[in-house]
Every structure is written in structure tokens, then in C-alpha cells.
Protein backbone atom coordinates (compact mmCIF):
# COMPACT_ATOMS: atom_id res chain seq x y z
CA UNK A 1 32.98 47.03 17.49
CA UNK A 2 31.04 47.83 20.62
CA UNK A 3 32.29 51.39 20.35
CA UNK A 4 30.52 51.85 17.01
CA UNK A 5 27.31 50.48 18.50
CA UNK A 6 27.49 52.82 21.45
CA UNK A 7 28.39 55.75 19.23
CA UNK A 8 25.47 54.99 16.91
CA UNK A 9 23.03 55.04 19.83
CA UNK A 10 24.51 58.24 21.25
CA UNK A 11 24.33 59.98 17.88
CA UNK A 12 20.76 58.77 17.47
CA UNK A 13 19.77 60.25 20.85
CA UNK A 14 21.53 63.49 19.94
CA UNK A 15 19.44 63.70 16.75
CA UNK A 16 22.50 63.22 14.52
CA UNK A 17 21.16 60.61 12.07
CA UNK A 18 23.96 60.92 9.51
CA UNK A 19 26.65 60.07 12.06
CA UNK A 20 24.50 57.36 13.60
CA UNK A 21 23.96 55.79 10.20
CA UNK A 22 27.70 55.78 9.45
CA UNK A 23 28.38 53.94 12.70
CA UNK A 24 25.79 51.32 11.83
CA UNK A 25 27.45 50.93 8.42
CA UNK A 26 30.77 50.27 10.15
CA UNK A 27 29.03 47.41 11.94
CA UNK A 28 27.69 46.11 8.59
CA UNK A 29 24.19 46.81 9.87
CA UNK A 30 22.95 48.48 6.71
CA UNK A 31 19.29 47.85 7.48
CA UNK A 32 19.45 49.98 10.62
CA UNK A 33 21.65 52.56 8.88
CA UNK A 34 19.02 53.05 6.18
CA UNK A 35 16.15 53.02 8.69
CA UNK A 36 17.73 55.81 10.75
CA UNK A 37 18.08 57.96 7.64
CA UNK A 38 14.60 57.13 6.37
CA UNK A 39 12.98 57.99 9.72
CA UNK A 40 14.62 61.42 9.55
CA UNK A 41 13.53 62.08 5.95
CA UNK A 42 17.09 61.85 4.63
CA UNK A 43 16.04 59.89 1.59
CA UNK A 44 18.99 60.82 -0.66
CA UNK A 45 21.44 59.66 2.00
CA UNK A 46 19.44 56.47 2.48
CA UNK A 47 19.69 55.78 -1.26
CA UNK A 48 23.46 56.39 -1.14
CA UNK A 49 23.73 53.92 1.74
CA UNK A 50 21.80 51.30 -0.22
CA UNK A 51 24.14 51.85 -3.18
CA UNK A 52 27.19 51.30 -0.95
CA UNK A 53 25.61 48.13 0.41
CA UNK A 54 24.91 46.89 -3.12
CA UNK A 55 28.49 47.61 -4.19
CA UNK A 56 29.81 45.72 -1.16
CA UNK A 57 27.65 42.71 -2.02
CA UNK A 58 28.76 42.78 -5.66
CA UNK A 59 32.43 42.93 -4.69
CA UNK A 60 31.93 39.99 -2.32
CA UNK A 61 30.27 37.93 -5.04
CA UNK A 62 33.01 38.72 -7.56
CA UNK A 63 35.69 37.84 -5.00
CA UNK A 64 33.93 34.58 -4.14
CA UNK A 65 33.74 33.47 -7.76
CA UNK A 66 37.35 34.44 -8.46
CA UNK A 67 38.61 32.51 -5.45
CA UNK A 68 36.32 29.48 -5.40
CA UNK A 69 35.26 29.01 -9.01
């Protein structure tokens, strides 16, 4: 996991926001992933990231209710 964090920072310094954002997603740090994209005016990619986060939450909720309900 530390490798994704280091990679995200390196990509950020190299001005590669898309790659940096993907690394943050791998760490489940969607807030930072979206922020990196937003700061670089990559709004469509930020929206896609938010959609993936929402889908992940929905799947978790469905799984929880199927297992524990």
C-alpha cells in the first residue's frame, strides 16, 4: 500500500494528475483522488471517480444487507 502512496505523490509532482488520482483510488482515498483531478481542471474525470466511489459504496451496502440482514 505504501507503494501506491509514493507513486501518487511522484505522479503529482510530475504533473500527471490522472495517474496520481488512480493511485489514490487504489488506497480508497477517493477524496484526494477527486481533489487532484479538480485542481487540474479535469472535471469529467473527477465526476467519473465520484461515480466509481458511489458504486463501491452501493455494492458494500447491498453486500452488508445480504449477509447481515
